Amino acid sequence: MRMIRTATLSILFLVIVVAGIALGLMMASLPSEDGSITLPGLVTKGAVHSDALGVPSIAAESREDAFRLLGYLHAWNRLFQMELMRRKSAGRLAELFGQSAAQLDRKQRSYQLLRTARTIVADLPAGQRLALQAYVEGVNSYIQQARILPPEFLALQHRPEPWKAEDSILVVLGMFQTLNGQEQDERMVSVMEHALPADLLTFLTPDSDSYATVLVGGSGSRRFSQTIPARSLAALPDTEGNLAQNRVDTENVVAGSNNWVVAGSKTVDGRAIVANDMHLGLGVPNIWYRAELKYQDRHIFGVTLPGVPGIIVGGNDDVAWGFTNVTADLVDLISLDINPENPNTYRTSQGWREFGQHVETIKVKDAPDIAITLQDTVWGPVSDKSLLGRPVVIKWTALERHAVDLGLLDMDSVKTTSQAITVTNNTGAPPQNVVLADRDGHIGWTYMGRFPLRIGFDGLSSHSWA
């Protein structure tokens, strides 16, 4: 009995010691709000103060120094979130999570977002590139200085690679994919088009509904059908061919987000009001990170996206702005005609062309590497999943070289609604509804982002472009 009691106490003691060490490591990884740090590249001294809710206020002499400090704070508080976002976009989650993430990595590699991110970084205007480089230096200062990383890294026995400018663009492209990168609707409509009578398809896929109102331009719906065509409902779908093998999984997503703007002429004190409620998926931590930045004669505040410099939604001393997702159709799936005599070529309007292709390696934790071959066309990368038995190309605005930039950085200096509209109209980003108001009570509503210009087709279903 004494031996059993001794063994039990020894085990309990060991558990307490291990738990104490684990707790100590976790506590040591938490950010401290006191003291000073040295940031390589910081031109002059900067200061960071947090309010009662932990929201940091950054003060610096220059914009670059402010973003260098923001990069440090993002990494200090949200490094694991940033690590997951850059890896998901690049198709490198299997390096952390093993075989369970390999299929997702395959899918992500087919978009070739890393190649797009590198192209975008190379094309950024000089001022944006300087701000991004300063931010990257701030992130890497934390990675280099951190003695004990957050517990997620300890659990995975992983130390993050240095942050790169392309990683910040990968984070933006990941948001682009979440907001406007769904190809499942086009896959679904393509299968419906193959199986259903044309008038029934039109009824089921209107471009408007009873809740939609045309506010600016246009004349209303071009596809809306008020009645159900009975003869079409009575007809059986085409069951020949491979339709049974063309199941399309679509998420049951309820689109939300809302924003309002009220002109000063309609308020008691003459000041305009902006209200914004962005409905994004819940996560731990929250996707956004609140911050306030003061530099030179600029003062901006609102929510930031960890991994990216600048304020996404918020205001300066003269203008406030808010976003909701446009949910535009930004993806086209181009059906390919493969040369039966040479499967390495596909048809274009100029004749047969060879696929561009290269091999990439997916590294998998605790498992052998996976080699995959990726194909390219004149229109874009080939999807990893065929449609109706044919390969398809992903033609997506996010993959265009100027679809994303850091143009929102210029919102720090706008004084009027009109100036803010010009900035947002010239910014490359996931397309958003933007509402704005300035200190004089003026309001505005506009779009931000690039939209595809389609001629001769509506983009609802997949077709050949040859």
Protein backbone atom coordinates (compact mmCIF):
# COMPACT_ATOMS: atom_id res chain seq x y z
CA MET A 1 0.00 0.00 0.00
CA ARG A 2 2.85 2.37 0.91
CA MET A 3 4.54 1.69 -2.46
CA ILE A 4 1.32 2.46 -4.33
CA ARG A 5 0.89 5.69 -2.37
CA THR A 6 4.51 6.68 -3.00
CA ALA A 7 4.19 5.95 -6.72
CA THR A 8 0.94 7.93 -6.89
CA LEU A 9 2.49 10.92 -5.15
CA SER A 10 5.54 10.75 -7.43
CA ILE A 11 3.37 10.72 -10.54
CA LEU A 12 1.28 13.58 -9.16
CA PHE A 13 4.45 15.54 -8.40
CA LEU A 14 5.75 14.99 -11.94
CA VAL A 15 2.41 16.08 -13.43
CA ILE A 16 2.49 19.25 -11.33
CA VAL A 17 6.09 19.97 -12.39
CA VAL A 18 5.34 19.41 -16.08
CA ALA A 19 2.17 21.50 -15.86
CA GLY A 20 4.10 24.24 -14.09
CA ILE A 21 6.79 24.25 -16.77
CA ALA A 22 4.14 24.33 -19.52
CA LEU A 23 2.30 27.16 -17.78
CA GLY A 24 5.56 29.03 -17.29
CA LEU A 25 6.41 28.72 -20.98
CA MET A 26 2.95 29.87 -21.99
CA MET A 27 3.11 32.87 -19.65
CA ALA A 28 6.59 33.73 -20.87
CA SER A 29 5.30 33.78 -24.47
CA LEU A 30 2.64 36.37 -23.67
CA PRO A 31 3.35 39.97 -24.72
CA SER A 32 4.52 42.33 -22.01
CA GLU A 33 3.33 45.92 -22.21
CA ASP A 34 6.20 47.35 -20.19
CA GLY A 35 9.82 48.14 -21.04
CA SER A 36 11.68 49.04 -24.22
CA ILE A 37 12.80 47.11 -27.27
CA THR A 38 15.35 47.64 -29.99
CA LEU A 39 14.12 47.46 -33.57
CA PRO A 40 16.76 47.33 -36.29
CA GLY A 41 16.04 49.95 -38.95
CA LEU A 42 14.03 52.27 -36.72
CA VAL A 43 15.15 55.76 -37.72
CA THR A 44 14.06 57.53 -34.53
CA LYS A 45 12.52 56.47 -31.25
CA GLY A 46 8.92 55.34 -31.33
CA ALA A 47 6.40 54.72 -28.58
CA VAL A 48 3.55 52.29 -28.08
CA HIS A 49 0.87 52.73 -25.43
CA SER A 50 -2.14 50.48 -24.85
CA ASP A 51 -5.50 51.52 -23.51
CA ALA A 52 -7.60 49.64 -20.94
CA LEU A 53 -8.80 47.24 -23.67
CA GLY A 54 -5.29 46.50 -24.88
CA VAL A 55 -5.63 48.52 -28.09
CA PRO A 56 -2.18 49.86 -29.01
CA SER A 57 -1.46 53.44 -30.00
CA ILE A 58 1.73 53.82 -32.05
CA ALA A 59 3.63 57.11 -32.26
CA ALA A 60 6.52 57.51 -34.71
CA GLU A 61 8.28 60.19 -36.74
CA SER A 62 7.70 58.57 -40.14
CA ARG A 63 5.17 56.27 -41.79
CA GLU A 64 7.82 53.60 -42.30
CA ASP A 65 8.72 53.62 -38.60
CA ALA A 66 5.04 53.41 -37.65
CA PHE A 67 4.58 50.34 -39.84
CA ARG A 68 7.82 48.84 -38.55
CA LEU A 69 6.32 49.06 -35.06
CA LEU A 70 2.97 47.72 -36.28
CA GLY A 71 4.74 44.72 -37.83
CA TYR A 72 6.44 44.02 -34.51
CA LEU A 73 3.13 44.25 -32.62
CA HIS A 74 1.31 42.03 -35.12
CA ALA A 75 3.98 39.35 -34.75
CA TRP A 76 4.06 39.77 -30.97
CA ASN A 77 0.32 39.24 -30.65
CA ARG A 78 -0.78 37.30 -33.75
CA LEU A 79 2.21 35.45 -35.19
CA PHE A 80 0.53 32.04 -35.35
CA GLN A 81 -2.50 33.53 -37.11
CA MET A 82 -0.15 35.14 -39.63
CA GLU A 83 1.75 31.87 -40.05
CA LEU A 84 -1.44 29.95 -40.87
CA MET A 85 -2.69 32.59 -43.31
CA ARG A 86 0.50 32.73 -45.38
CA ARG A 87 0.84 28.94 -45.40
CA LYS A 88 -2.78 28.31 -46.39
CA SER A 89 -2.49 30.65 -49.37
CA ALA A 90 0.82 29.15 -50.48
CA GLY A 91 -0.32 25.55 -49.99
CA ARG A 92 2.14 24.71 -47.21
CA LEU A 93 -0.05 23.63 -44.29
CA ALA A 94 0.98 19.96 -44.57
CA GLU A 95 4.44 20.93 -43.33
CA LEU A 96 2.77 21.64 -39.98
CA PHE A 97 -0.21 19.30 -39.88
CA GLY A 98 0.80 16.30 -41.97
CA GLN A 99 -1.39 14.26 -44.31
CA SER A 100 -4.62 15.85 -43.06
CA ALA A 101 -3.69 19.08 -44.84
CA ALA A 102 -2.13 17.60 -47.99
CA GLN A 103 -5.31 17.69 -50.09
CA LEU A 104 -5.95 21.34 -49.24
CA ASP A 105 -2.34 22.12 -50.17
CA ARG A 106 -2.87 20.43 -53.55
CA LYS A 107 -5.89 22.63 -54.18
CA GLN A 108 -4.11 25.80 -53.11
CA ARG A 109 -1.05 25.06 -55.23
CA SER A 110 -3.27 24.90 -58.33
CA TYR A 111 -4.07 28.62 -57.88
CA GLN A 112 -0.33 29.44 -57.82
CA LEU A 113 -0.90 32.32 -55.40
CA LEU A 114 2.76 32.46 -54.41
CA ARG A 115 3.72 33.27 -58.00
CA THR A 116 1.04 35.95 -58.11
CA ALA A 117 2.23 37.43 -54.80
CA ARG A 118 5.80 37.73 -56.07
CA THR A 119 4.61 39.45 -59.24
CA ILE A 120 2.50 41.90 -57.23
CA VAL A 121 5.38 42.80 -54.90
CA ALA A 122 7.63 43.50 -57.88
CA ASP A 123 4.99 45.83 -59.36
CA LEU A 124 4.21 47.84 -56.22
CA PRO A 125 4.86 51.60 -56.41
CA ALA A 126 8.01 52.69 -54.58
CA GLY A 127 6.18 54.28 -51.62
CA GLN A 128 4.08 51.17 -51.01
CA ARG A 129 7.13 48.93 -51.29
CA LEU A 130 8.98 51.02 -48.69
CA ALA A 131 6.08 50.81 -46.26
CA LEU A 132 5.78 47.05 -46.81
CA GLN A 133 9.52 46.49 -46.33
CA ALA A 134 9.45 48.44 -43.05
CA TYR A 135 6.52 46.31 -41.86
CA VAL A 136 8.38 43.11 -42.82
CA GLU A 137 11.42 44.27 -40.85
CA GLY A 138 9.21 44.80 -37.81
CA VAL A 139 7.76 41.29 -38.03
CA ASN A 140 11.21 39.76 -38.39
CA SER A 141 12.57 41.77 -35.47
CA TYR A 142 10.09 39.98 -33.24
CA ILE A 143 10.80 36.55 -34.75
CA GLN A 144 14.54 37.06 -34.21
CA GLN A 145 14.21 38.47 -30.69
CA ALA A 146 11.54 36.16 -29.27
CA ARG A 147 13.14 33.74 -26.80
CA ILE A 148 9.93 31.80 -26.30
CA LEU A 149 7.37 31.61 -29.08
CA PRO A 150 3.59 31.34 -28.54
CA PRO A 151 2.35 27.93 -27.33
CA GLU A 152 1.03 26.88 -30.74
CA PHE A 153 4.59 26.87 -32.07
CA LEU A 154 5.79 24.97 -29.03
CA ALA A 155 3.08 22.33 -29.49
CA LEU A 156 3.99 21.88 -33.17
CA GLN A 157 7.74 22.10 -32.47
CA HIS A 158 7.98 24.64 -35.22
CA ARG A 159 9.88 27.88 -35.57
CA PRO A 160 8.57 30.24 -38.25
CA GLU A 161 10.65 31.23 -41.24
CA PRO A 162 11.49 34.93 -41.65
CA TRP A 163 8.58 36.99 -42.94
CA LYS A 164 8.81 38.17 -46.55
CA ALA A 165 7.05 40.91 -48.49
CA GLU A 166 5.33 38.22 -50.58
CA ASP A 167 3.89 36.73 -47.37
CA SER A 168 1.94 39.92 -46.69
CA ILE A 169 0.47 39.76 -50.20
CA LEU A 170 -0.34 36.08 -49.62
CA VAL A 171 -2.38 37.16 -46.58
CA VAL A 172 -4.33 39.63 -48.75
CA LEU A 173 -4.85 36.99 -51.44
CA GLY A 174 -6.11 34.61 -48.76
CA MET A 175 -8.71 37.20 -47.78
CA PHE A 176 -9.50 37.62 -51.48
CA GLN A 177 -10.16 33.90 -51.71
CA THR A 178 -12.39 33.93 -48.64
CA LEU A 179 -14.44 36.89 -49.90
CA ASN A 180 -14.51 36.50 -53.67
CA GLY A 181 -12.78 33.29 -54.72
CA GLN A 182 -15.56 30.73 -54.83
CA GLU A 183 -15.77 28.69 -58.02
CA GLN A 184 -18.41 26.26 -56.78
CA ASP A 185 -21.36 28.32 -58.05
CA GLU A 186 -20.04 28.19 -61.60
CA ARG A 187 -19.46 24.46 -61.30
CA MET A 188 -23.02 24.01 -60.05
CA VAL A 189 -24.58 26.11 -62.83
CA SER A 190 -22.49 24.28 -65.45
CA VAL A 191 -23.88 20.93 -64.32
CA MET A 192 -27.41 22.40 -64.18
CA GLU A 193 -26.99 23.79 -67.71
CA HIS A 194 -26.06 20.32 -68.93
CA ALA A 195 -28.99 18.65 -67.18
CA LEU A 196 -31.95 21.07 -67.21
CA PRO A 197 -34.11 22.79 -69.86
CA ALA A 198 -32.94 26.34 -70.62
CA ASP A 199 -36.06 28.08 -69.26
CA LEU A 200 -35.89 26.16 -65.99
CA LEU A 201 -32.21 27.05 -65.65
CA THR A 202 -33.08 30.72 -66.17
CA PHE A 203 -35.75 30.51 -63.48
CA LEU A 204 -33.35 28.91 -61.01
CA THR A 205 -30.43 31.28 -61.71
CA PRO A 206 -31.83 34.83 -61.88
CA ASP A 207 -29.44 37.76 -61.76
CA SER A 208 -31.85 39.63 -59.49
CA ASP A 209 -34.64 38.98 -57.00
CA SER A 210 -37.43 40.79 -55.19
CA TYR A 211 -34.97 42.17 -52.62
CA ALA A 212 -32.59 43.75 -55.15
CA THR A 213 -32.85 47.32 -56.38
CA VAL A 214 -30.82 48.94 -59.13
CA LEU A 215 -29.52 52.17 -57.60
CA VAL A 216 -26.98 53.37 -60.15
CA GLY A 217 -27.15 52.56 -63.85
CA GLY A 218 -28.61 49.47 -65.49
CA SER A 219 -32.21 48.58 -66.19
CA GLY A 220 -32.82 45.67 -63.86
CA SER A 221 -32.71 41.93 -64.37
CA ARG A 222 -31.92 40.31 -67.71
CA ARG A 223 -32.63 36.74 -66.56
CA PHE A 224 -35.42 36.98 -64.00
CA SER A 225 -38.47 34.77 -64.66
CA GLN A 226 -41.59 35.43 -62.57
CA THR A 227 -43.26 32.05 -63.12
CA ILE A 228 -42.13 28.47 -62.90
CA PRO A 229 -42.29 26.84 -66.36
CA ALA A 230 -44.49 23.83 -65.64
CA ARG A 231 -43.41 21.88 -68.71
CA SER A 232 -39.82 22.19 -67.62
CA LEU A 233 -40.56 21.07 -64.08
CA ALA A 234 -42.33 18.01 -65.50
CA ALA A 235 -39.35 17.09 -67.66
CA LEU A 236 -36.82 14.71 -66.17
CA PRO A 237 -33.21 15.95 -66.04
CA ASP A 238 -30.81 14.39 -68.49
CA THR A 239 -29.47 11.31 -66.71
CA GLU A 240 -27.15 10.23 -69.50
CA GLY A 241 -23.42 10.66 -69.41
CA ASN A 242 -21.45 11.34 -66.27
CA LEU A 243 -23.78 13.71 -64.41
CA ALA A 244 -23.99 11.37 -61.44
CA GLN A 245 -20.22 11.73 -61.08
CA ASN A 246 -20.31 15.53 -61.24
CA ARG A 247 -21.46 16.27 -57.74
CA VAL A 248 -20.72 19.83 -56.69
CA ASP A 249 -20.32 20.57 -53.00
CA THR A 250 -21.48 24.09 -52.22
CA GLU A 251 -21.34 25.65 -48.78
CA ASN A 252 -24.58 26.81 -47.20
CA VAL A 253 -23.35 30.35 -46.70
CA VAL A 254 -25.66 33.12 -45.55
CA ALA A 255 -24.15 36.34 -46.89
CA GLY A 256 -24.15 39.15 -44.39
CA SER A 257 -22.31 42.38 -43.62
CA ASN A 258 -23.93 45.77 -43.62
CA ASN A 259 -22.92 49.38 -43.54
CA TRP A 260 -24.74 52.68 -43.38
CA VAL A 261 -23.75 56.27 -43.82
CA VAL A 262 -25.89 59.24 -42.78
CA ALA A 263 -25.24 62.74 -44.12
CA GLY A 264 -24.73 65.65 -41.77
CA SER A 265 -27.85 67.27 -43.23
CA LYS A 266 -29.90 64.53 -41.54
CA THR A 267 -28.32 64.54 -38.08
CA VAL A 268 -28.98 66.82 -35.10
CA ASP A 269 -25.47 68.23 -34.82
CA GLY A 270 -24.63 68.28 -38.53
CA ARG A 271 -21.97 65.58 -38.33
CA ALA A 272 -22.13 62.54 -40.62
CA ILE A 273 -22.33 59.00 -39.23
CA VAL A 274 -20.64 55.84 -40.55
CA ALA A 275 -21.75 52.47 -39.17
CA ASN A 276 -20.11 49.26 -40.38
CA ASP A 277 -20.69 45.62 -39.41
CA MET A 278 -18.50 43.16 -41.33
CA HIS A 279 -19.75 39.57 -41.11
CA LEU A 280 -16.72 37.31 -41.36
CA GLY A 281 -16.29 33.81 -40.03
CA LEU A 282 -15.68 33.54 -36.31
CA GLY A 283 -12.19 32.60 -35.29
CA VAL A 284 -9.84 32.56 -32.33
CA PRO A 285 -8.34 35.07 -32.42
CA ASN A 286 -10.59 37.47 -34.28
CA ILE A 287 -9.44 38.18 -37.84
CA TRP A 288 -8.94 41.89 -37.10
CA TYR A 289 -6.47 43.71 -34.84
CA ARG A 290 -7.37 47.21 -33.63
CA ALA A 291 -4.69 49.87 -33.62
CA GLU A 292 -4.05 53.62 -33.75
CA LEU A 293 -1.08 55.17 -35.57
CA LYS A 294 0.34 58.68 -35.35
CA TYR A 295 3.21 59.83 -37.54
CA GLN A 296 4.23 63.13 -39.12
CA ASP A 297 0.93 65.05 -39.28
CA ARG A 298 -1.13 61.88 -39.80
CA HIS A 299 -3.48 60.15 -37.40
CA ILE A 300 -5.30 56.95 -38.43
CA PHE A 301 -7.21 54.40 -36.41
CA GLY A 302 -9.40 51.35 -36.87
CA VAL A 303 -8.84 47.67 -37.60
CA THR A 304 -5.77 46.17 -39.21
CA LEU A 305 -5.21 42.74 -40.78
CA PRO A 306 -2.33 40.89 -39.11
CA GLY A 307 0.29 40.28 -41.77
CA VAL A 308 -0.43 43.52 -43.65
CA PRO A 309 0.54 47.17 -42.98
CA GLY A 310 -2.10 49.87 -42.72
CA ILE A 311 -5.64 50.44 -41.50
CA ILE A 312 -8.27 48.42 -43.38
CA VAL A 313 -11.46 49.97 -41.98
CA GLY A 314 -11.53 53.02 -39.74
CA GLY A 315 -10.74 56.69 -40.13
CA ASN A 316 -8.38 59.60 -39.85
CA ASP A 317 -9.13 63.02 -38.35
CA ASP A 318 -11.14 64.05 -41.42
CA VAL A 319 -12.70 60.96 -43.05
CA ALA A 320 -14.19 57.67 -41.87
CA TRP A 321 -14.88 54.62 -44.03
CA GLY A 322 -16.42 51.16 -43.84
CA PHE A 323 -16.53 48.05 -46.06
CA THR A 324 -18.90 45.24 -46.94
CA ASN A 325 -18.20 42.48 -49.44
CA VAL A 326 -19.50 42.96 -52.98
CA THR A 327 -19.82 39.15 -53.54
CA ALA A 328 -19.17 39.75 -57.23
CA ASP A 329 -18.61 36.95 -59.76
CA LEU A 330 -14.86 37.23 -60.25
CA VAL A 331 -14.09 33.66 -61.34
CA ASP A 332 -14.54 32.09 -64.77
CA LEU A 333 -13.82 28.42 -65.42
CA ILE A 334 -12.62 28.04 -69.01
CA SER A 335 -13.36 24.63 -70.48
CA LEU A 336 -10.37 23.24 -72.38
CA ASP A 337 -10.33 21.28 -75.63
CA ILE A 338 -7.40 18.85 -75.49
CA ASN A 339 -5.72 17.78 -78.71
CA PRO A 340 -6.54 14.05 -79.13
CA GLU A 341 -3.28 13.56 -81.04
CA ASN A 342 -1.16 15.40 -78.47
CA PRO A 343 -2.57 15.65 -74.92
CA ASN A 344 0.13 18.18 -74.03
CA THR A 345 -1.62 20.81 -76.16
CA TYR A 346 -4.94 22.64 -75.93
CA ARG A 347 -7.02 24.62 -78.40
CA THR A 348 -6.94 28.44 -78.57
CA SER A 349 -8.33 30.86 -81.15
CA GLN A 350 -4.84 30.88 -82.71
CA GLY A 351 -4.58 27.09 -82.86
CA TRP A 352 -3.06 24.43 -80.61
CA ARG A 353 -0.67 25.53 -77.86
CA GLU A 354 1.46 23.54 -75.45
CA PHE A 355 0.73 23.64 -71.74
CA GLY A 356 3.30 25.33 -69.59
CA GLN A 357 4.04 23.03 -66.70
CA HIS A 358 6.33 22.60 -63.75
CA VAL A 359 6.68 20.26 -60.79
CA GLU A 360 6.26 21.42 -57.19
CA THR A 361 6.91 19.49 -53.99
CA ILE A 362 4.49 19.43 -51.06
CA LYS A 363 6.42 18.67 -47.91
CA VAL A 364 4.38 16.60 -45.46
CA LYS A 365 5.14 16.33 -41.76
CA ASP A 366 5.98 12.74 -40.76
CA ALA A 367 5.34 11.48 -44.29
CA PRO A 368 7.06 11.37 -47.69
CA ASP A 369 7.03 14.45 -49.90
CA ILE A 370 4.36 14.69 -52.61
CA ALA A 371 5.38 15.82 -56.11
CA ILE A 372 2.62 17.46 -58.17
CA THR A 373 2.64 18.77 -61.74
CA LEU A 374 0.98 22.14 -62.30
CA GLN A 375 -0.15 23.29 -65.73
CA ASP A 376 -0.52 26.80 -67.15
CA THR A 377 -2.34 28.24 -70.16
CA VAL A 378 -2.52 31.64 -71.81
CA TRP A 379 -5.60 32.31 -69.66
CA GLY A 380 -4.31 31.11 -66.31
CA PRO A 381 -3.57 27.98 -64.26
CA VAL A 382 -5.39 24.69 -64.79
CA SER A 383 -7.64 23.63 -61.90
CA ASP A 384 -6.85 20.48 -59.97
CA LYS A 385 -10.44 19.35 -60.53
CA SER A 386 -12.10 18.75 -63.91
CA LEU A 387 -15.67 19.77 -64.75
CA LEU A 388 -18.05 17.58 -66.73
CA GLY A 389 -15.13 15.39 -67.69
CA ARG A 390 -13.00 18.22 -69.08
CA PRO A 391 -10.08 20.18 -67.57
CA VAL A 392 -10.81 23.82 -66.77
CA VAL A 393 -8.68 26.92 -66.36
CA ILE A 394 -9.13 29.21 -63.36
CA LYS A 395 -9.57 32.73 -64.72
CA TRP A 396 -9.79 34.81 -61.53
CA THR A 397 -9.23 38.53 -61.06
CA ALA A 398 -7.10 37.86 -57.96
CA LEU A 399 -4.48 36.27 -60.22
CA GLU A 400 -4.06 39.41 -62.33
CA ARG A 401 -0.86 41.31 -61.62
CA HIS A 402 -2.60 44.52 -60.51
CA ALA A 403 -5.55 42.97 -58.65
CA VAL A 404 -3.96 43.68 -55.26
CA ASP A 405 -1.84 46.54 -53.98
CA LEU A 406 -1.44 48.65 -50.84
CA GLY A 407 -3.33 51.66 -52.14
CA LEU A 408 -5.35 51.95 -48.93
CA LEU A 409 -2.21 53.34 -47.26
CA ASP A 410 -3.08 56.66 -48.91
CA MET A 411 -6.25 56.92 -46.83
CA ASP A 412 -4.04 58.41 -44.10
CA SER A 413 -3.97 61.76 -45.92
CA VAL A 414 -7.45 62.18 -47.44
CA LYS A 415 -9.37 65.23 -46.25
CA THR A 416 -12.69 64.87 -48.05
CA THR A 417 -15.12 62.20 -49.18
CA SER A 418 -14.23 62.99 -52.77
CA GLN A 419 -10.52 62.38 -52.15
CA ALA A 420 -11.28 59.14 -50.33
CA ILE A 421 -13.41 57.90 -53.23
CA THR A 422 -10.51 58.52 -55.60
CA VAL A 423 -8.16 56.49 -53.40
CA THR A 424 -10.53 53.54 -53.04
CA ASN A 425 -11.40 53.55 -56.74
CA ASN A 426 -7.70 53.20 -57.55
CA THR A 427 -6.93 50.53 -54.94
CA GLY A 428 -6.43 46.90 -55.88
CA ALA A 429 -8.19 44.69 -53.33
CA PRO A 430 -11.01 42.16 -52.91
CA PRO A 431 -13.97 44.16 -54.31
CA GLN A 432 -15.87 45.97 -51.57
CA ASN A 433 -18.82 48.30 -51.09
CA VAL A 434 -17.29 51.39 -49.49
CA VAL A 435 -19.23 53.98 -47.49
CA LEU A 436 -17.49 57.20 -46.48
CA ALA A 437 -18.13 60.42 -44.60
CA ASP A 438 -16.03 63.50 -43.90
CA ARG A 439 -15.93 66.05 -41.09
CA ASP A 440 -18.03 68.52 -43.14
CA GLY A 441 -20.97 66.09 -43.22
CA HIS A 442 -20.54 64.88 -46.81
CA ILE A 443 -21.08 61.19 -47.53
CA GLY A 444 -20.29 58.79 -50.36
CA TRP A 445 -20.73 55.23 -51.59
CA THR A 446 -18.50 53.54 -54.15
CA TYR A 447 -16.83 50.28 -55.13
CA MET A 448 -13.24 49.29 -54.50
CA GLY A 449 -11.39 46.63 -56.48
CA ARG A 450 -11.16 45.30 -60.03
CA PHE A 451 -14.02 43.60 -61.87
CA PRO A 452 -13.83 41.36 -64.96
CA LEU A 453 -14.96 42.90 -68.25
CA ARG A 454 -16.95 40.16 -70.01
CA ILE A 455 -18.00 40.55 -73.63
CA GLY A 456 -20.48 38.14 -75.18
CA PHE A 457 -21.12 35.95 -72.12
CA ASP A 458 -22.36 36.32 -68.54
CA GLY A 459 -19.85 34.10 -66.74
CA LEU A 460 -22.47 31.96 -65.00
CA SER A 461 -21.26 28.66 -66.45
CA SER A 462 -18.10 27.18 -67.91
CA HIS A 463 -17.44 27.44 -71.64
CA SER A 464 -14.55 27.16 -74.06
CA TRP A 465 -12.73 30.39 -74.93
CA ALA A 466 -11.16 28.90 -78.05
